[in-house]
Amino acid sequence: MNKFYLYQNFNIEILYEDNDIAILNKPSGLLTHKKSLSDNSPSLAESLKTNFKIEDDEVLKEGIVHRLDIDTSGIIIIAKNKEIKILFQNKFKNRELEKNYLAFSYGMLDQNFIQIDKNISRQKYQRTKFDTTDIGGKNALTNVENLKIYYGSISKLNCQIITGRTHQIRVHLLSLGLPIIGDKQYQLNKEQKFRLANLPNKVSEIVTNFPRQALHSHKLAFIHPKSQKEIKITCDLPDDMKDLEYNLQ
């Protein structure tokens, strides 16, 4: 049975731990790290100081190896020392980790599998948002597999990110006309209204009112940079996404 620790109102699950790393299940609604020194919002990084005694210095930076958006839940890796942080940064750079996410989106793929190969860049006038682009930007690759379709309108998707760009899955799915349920930042209102019209009223209401993007980091696999053992982690859907899936049946 996995361990948990309590940080403010968040119950954080420890999925794996050794002397060098911890792999946690980040709840939705919790920042990975604060946006600024004056930000008083709770963050995963802040919780690490007490529970793992990770120092905050220029290299280690509270042990954060990668980040998840505040409303994205699931697997996140924590480095306990500088050496392992650098080793994992190289693994990410060399694409040596297999990272899979589950998403519920409006619309349907016209095939069971697709690789999205579209560059991503920051929007010119809304700097916190990103778009796919044919000119410039950063290379981004996402493998998308259709797992299930509900009412011909909603899809459950497995998204494997080969690269790790900011908002990558959200932006790539939007570019296919498959905005993620609950995503307030990346929407296609006409597509969403069309799909909602095909749902029973009760289901339509549940989908419309889902409070955050239905995106969860659920599988991670890599070779441990110290022990050279293969590490495979699976993280079940959180309760809110389980309820969403149940109501879509």
Protein backbone atom coordinates (compact mmCIF):
# COMPACT_ATOMS: atom_id res chain seq x y z
CA MET A 1 0.00 0.00 0.00
CA ASN A 2 1.31 3.45 -0.93
CA LYS A 3 2.03 6.12 1.66
CA PHE A 4 0.42 9.55 1.85
CA TYR A 5 1.32 12.84 3.43
CA LEU A 6 -0.95 15.74 4.23
CA TYR A 7 -0.09 19.24 3.01
CA GLN A 8 -2.67 21.92 3.85
CA ASN A 9 -5.91 20.49 2.37
CA PHE A 10 -4.16 18.14 -0.07
CA ASN A 11 -3.56 14.44 0.51
CA ILE A 12 -0.47 13.61 -1.56
CA GLU A 13 0.26 9.99 -2.45
CA ILE A 14 3.83 8.66 -2.62
CA LEU A 15 3.81 6.20 -5.51
CA TYR A 16 7.50 5.29 -5.28
CA GLU A 17 10.48 6.36 -3.17
CA ASP A 18 14.17 5.53 -2.81
CA ASN A 19 17.25 7.42 -1.58
CA ASP A 20 17.41 9.57 -4.73
CA ILE A 21 13.88 10.16 -5.97
CA ALA A 22 10.24 10.24 -5.00
CA ILE A 23 7.38 9.82 -7.44
CA LEU A 24 4.20 11.51 -6.29
CA ASN A 25 0.55 11.70 -7.32
CA LYS A 26 -0.10 15.45 -7.57
CA PRO A 27 -3.74 16.37 -6.87
CA SER A 28 -5.53 18.79 -9.20
CA GLY A 29 -5.74 22.34 -7.84
CA LEU A 30 -2.17 22.25 -6.49
CA LEU A 31 0.56 24.28 -8.16
CA THR A 32 3.78 22.45 -8.97
CA HIS A 33 5.71 25.51 -7.81
CA LYS A 34 4.80 29.10 -7.01
CA LYS A 35 4.64 31.66 -9.78
CA SER A 36 6.62 34.26 -7.81
CA LEU A 37 8.20 34.84 -4.40
CA SER A 38 5.14 36.86 -3.34
CA ASP A 39 2.73 34.07 -4.33
CA ASN A 40 1.14 32.57 -1.19
CA SER A 41 -0.69 29.79 -3.02
CA PRO A 42 -0.02 26.22 -1.82
CA SER A 43 2.45 24.37 -4.03
CA LEU A 44 3.92 20.90 -4.29
CA ALA A 45 7.42 22.40 -4.11
CA GLU A 46 6.61 24.00 -0.76
CA SER A 47 5.40 20.66 0.62
CA LEU A 48 8.71 19.00 -0.24
CA LYS A 49 10.71 21.18 2.15
CA THR A 50 8.98 19.65 5.16
CA ASN A 51 8.24 16.12 3.99
CA PHE A 52 11.46 15.33 2.11
CA LYS A 53 13.79 18.02 3.53
CA ILE A 54 14.83 19.04 0.03
CA GLU A 55 16.91 22.19 -0.06
CA ASP A 56 16.02 25.09 -2.31
CA ASP A 57 19.17 26.05 -4.21
CA GLU A 58 20.03 27.17 -7.73
CA VAL A 59 20.46 23.65 -9.14
CA LEU A 60 18.01 21.57 -7.13
CA LYS A 61 15.22 24.18 -7.11
CA GLU A 62 13.17 22.33 -4.49
CA GLY A 63 13.61 19.02 -6.29
CA ILE A 64 11.18 19.75 -9.11
CA VAL A 65 12.32 17.83 -12.22
CA HIS A 66 9.31 18.63 -14.43
CA ARG A 67 5.93 20.23 -13.92
CA LEU A 68 2.22 19.57 -14.27
CA ASP A 69 -0.35 22.32 -14.82
CA ILE A 70 -2.25 23.26 -11.67
CA ASP A 71 -5.42 21.44 -12.78
CA THR A 72 -3.66 18.39 -14.21
CA SER A 73 -3.37 15.52 -11.74
CA GLY A 74 -1.08 12.54 -11.54
CA ILE A 75 2.53 11.39 -11.69
CA ILE A 76 5.39 13.77 -11.02
CA ILE A 77 9.07 13.02 -10.29
CA ILE A 78 10.98 14.64 -7.42
CA ALA A 79 14.79 14.66 -7.19
CA LYS A 80 16.29 14.51 -3.69
CA ASN A 81 19.80 15.64 -4.66
CA LYS A 82 21.61 17.68 -7.31
CA GLU A 83 23.26 14.71 -9.04
CA ILE A 84 19.97 12.91 -9.67
CA LYS A 85 18.29 16.16 -10.77
CA ILE A 86 20.91 16.63 -13.51
CA LEU A 87 20.65 12.97 -14.56
CA PHE A 88 16.87 13.27 -14.93
CA GLN A 89 17.15 16.55 -16.82
CA ASN A 90 19.32 14.69 -19.33
CA LYS A 91 16.77 11.86 -19.52
CA PHE A 92 14.02 14.34 -20.33
CA LYS A 93 16.23 16.07 -22.88
CA ASN A 94 17.06 12.75 -24.55
CA ARG A 95 13.42 11.56 -24.43
CA GLU A 96 14.26 8.51 -22.31
CA LEU A 97 11.03 8.45 -20.31
CA GLU A 98 7.68 7.06 -21.42
CA LYS A 99 4.89 9.36 -20.20
CA ASN A 100 1.20 8.60 -20.73
CA TYR A 101 -1.84 10.71 -19.84
CA LEU A 102 -5.57 9.97 -19.83
CA ALA A 103 -7.88 12.65 -21.19
CA PHE A 104 -11.61 13.01 -21.76
CA SER A 105 -12.35 15.25 -24.72
CA TYR A 106 -15.17 16.52 -26.87
CA GLY A 107 -15.31 14.94 -30.34
CA MET A 108 -13.83 11.79 -31.84
CA LEU A 109 -10.72 10.71 -33.67
CA ASP A 110 -11.41 9.43 -37.18
CA GLN A 111 -8.94 6.60 -36.52
CA ASN A 112 -7.84 4.59 -33.49
CA PHE A 113 -4.32 6.05 -33.36
CA ILE A 114 -2.62 9.20 -34.59
CA GLN A 115 0.73 10.89 -34.03
CA ILE A 116 0.41 14.66 -33.80
CA ASP A 117 3.58 16.32 -35.11
CA LYS A 118 2.91 20.04 -34.81
CA ASN A 119 5.22 22.74 -33.51
CA ILE A 120 3.98 24.79 -30.56
CA SER A 121 4.63 28.46 -29.84
CA ARG A 122 3.44 31.06 -27.34
CA GLN A 123 0.55 33.23 -28.53
CA LYS A 124 1.56 36.76 -29.48
CA TYR A 125 -1.05 38.67 -27.48
CA GLN A 126 -2.01 36.14 -24.79
CA ARG A 127 1.39 35.11 -23.47
CA THR A 128 0.05 32.45 -21.10
CA LYS A 129 -1.50 30.52 -24.00
CA PHE A 130 0.04 28.44 -26.78
CA ASP A 131 -0.87 27.49 -30.35
CA THR A 132 0.29 25.04 -32.99
CA THR A 133 2.25 26.76 -35.73
CA ASP A 134 3.72 26.03 -39.16
CA ILE A 135 6.41 28.68 -38.74
CA GLY A 136 8.93 28.57 -35.90
CA GLY A 137 7.94 27.34 -32.47
CA LYS A 138 9.25 24.20 -30.76
CA ASN A 139 8.92 20.68 -32.12
CA ALA A 140 6.17 18.74 -30.31
CA LEU A 141 5.11 15.11 -30.74
CA THR A 142 2.09 13.45 -29.13
CA ASN A 143 0.80 9.91 -29.77
CA VAL A 144 -2.96 9.73 -29.27
CA GLU A 145 -4.87 6.46 -28.92
CA ASN A 146 -8.65 6.21 -28.81
CA LEU A 147 -9.76 4.11 -25.83
CA LYS A 148 -13.52 4.62 -25.79
CA ILE A 149 -16.28 6.77 -27.31
CA TYR A 150 -19.40 7.83 -25.41
CA TYR A 151 -22.65 8.82 -27.18
CA GLY A 152 -20.70 9.49 -30.39
CA SER A 153 -19.57 12.76 -28.81
CA ILE A 154 -17.02 12.25 -26.02
CA SER A 155 -13.71 10.38 -26.22
CA LYS A 156 -11.46 8.79 -23.63
CA LEU A 157 -7.92 9.09 -24.97
CA ASN A 158 -4.47 7.86 -24.05
CA CYS A 159 -1.91 10.54 -24.87
CA GLN A 160 1.78 9.67 -24.89
CA ILE A 161 4.00 12.74 -25.01
CA ILE A 162 7.31 12.25 -26.80
CA THR A 163 8.35 15.85 -26.20
CA GLY A 164 7.36 17.89 -23.15
CA ARG A 165 6.16 21.33 -24.22
CA THR A 166 4.00 23.56 -22.05
CA HIS A 167 0.29 22.71 -22.49
CA GLN A 168 1.30 20.21 -25.20
CA ILE A 169 -1.57 17.73 -24.92
CA ARG A 170 -4.17 20.45 -24.46
CA VAL A 171 -2.96 22.41 -27.50
CA HIS A 172 -2.47 19.35 -29.71
CA LEU A 173 -5.92 17.93 -28.97
CA LEU A 174 -7.48 21.34 -29.59
CA SER A 175 -5.75 21.45 -32.99
CA LEU A 176 -7.62 18.24 -33.91
CA GLY A 177 -10.96 19.67 -32.77
CA LEU A 178 -10.84 17.62 -29.55
CA PRO A 179 -10.82 20.15 -26.69
CA ILE A 180 -10.44 18.56 -23.25
CA ILE A 181 -13.53 18.58 -21.04
CA GLY A 182 -13.29 21.28 -18.37
CA ASP A 183 -10.40 23.14 -20.00
CA LYS A 184 -11.24 26.82 -19.54
CA GLN A 185 -8.23 28.05 -21.52
CA TYR A 186 -8.45 25.99 -24.72
CA GLN A 187 -12.00 25.77 -26.01
CA LEU A 188 -13.89 25.31 -29.27
CA ASN A 189 -17.34 26.56 -28.34
CA LYS A 190 -19.12 25.45 -31.54
CA GLU A 191 -17.65 21.93 -31.32
CA GLN A 192 -18.49 21.66 -27.64
CA LYS A 193 -22.09 22.84 -28.11
CA PHE A 194 -22.55 20.41 -31.01
CA ARG A 195 -21.26 17.47 -28.94
CA LEU A 196 -23.23 18.43 -25.83
CA ALA A 197 -26.44 18.39 -27.88
CA ASN A 198 -25.94 14.64 -28.45
CA LEU A 199 -25.75 13.84 -24.74
CA PRO A 200 -28.62 13.10 -22.34
CA ASN A 201 -29.46 16.23 -20.33
CA LYS A 202 -28.04 14.89 -17.07
CA VAL A 203 -24.77 13.84 -18.70
CA SER A 204 -24.53 17.12 -20.60
CA GLU A 205 -24.86 19.03 -17.33
CA ILE A 206 -22.13 16.95 -15.65
CA VAL A 207 -19.74 17.44 -18.57
CA THR A 208 -20.45 21.17 -18.82
CA ASN A 209 -19.84 21.71 -15.11
CA PHE A 210 -16.71 19.58 -14.77
CA PRO A 211 -14.50 21.95 -12.76
CA ARG A 212 -11.07 21.40 -14.31
CA GLN A 213 -9.43 19.95 -17.40
CA ALA A 214 -10.01 16.19 -17.44
CA LEU A 215 -6.33 15.33 -17.86
CA HIS A 216 -4.35 12.92 -15.67
CA SER A 217 -0.75 11.69 -15.85
CA HIS A 218 -1.30 7.96 -15.32
CA LYS A 219 1.75 5.99 -16.53
CA LEU A 220 5.49 6.53 -16.34
CA ALA A 221 8.35 4.21 -17.31
CA PHE A 222 12.12 4.78 -17.30
CA ILE A 223 15.48 3.25 -16.46
CA HIS A 224 16.61 4.49 -13.04
CA PRO A 225 19.78 6.56 -13.67
CA LYS A 226 21.49 5.20 -10.55
CA SER A 227 20.35 1.58 -10.10
CA GLN A 228 19.73 0.98 -13.85
CA LYS A 229 16.52 -0.84 -12.89
CA GLU A 230 13.37 -0.39 -14.96
CA ILE A 231 10.79 1.63 -13.07
CA LYS A 232 7.12 1.42 -14.13
CA ILE A 233 4.51 3.48 -12.31
CA THR A 234 0.75 3.48 -12.82
CA CYS A 235 -1.54 6.01 -11.17
CA ASP A 236 -5.30 5.43 -11.14
CA LEU A 237 -7.75 8.11 -12.16
CA PRO A 238 -8.65 10.47 -9.31
CA ASP A 239 -12.18 10.39 -7.92
CA ASP A 240 -13.48 13.33 -9.96
CA MET A 241 -12.44 11.73 -13.26
CA LYS A 242 -13.71 8.31 -12.12
CA ASP A 243 -17.09 9.94 -11.44
CA LEU A 244 -17.00 11.61 -14.86
CA GLU A 245 -16.28 8.28 -16.54
CA TYR A 246 -19.02 6.53 -14.54
CA ASN A 247 -21.59 9.13 -15.58
CA LEU A 248 -20.59 8.79 -19.23
CA GLN A 249 -21.33 5.03 -19.26
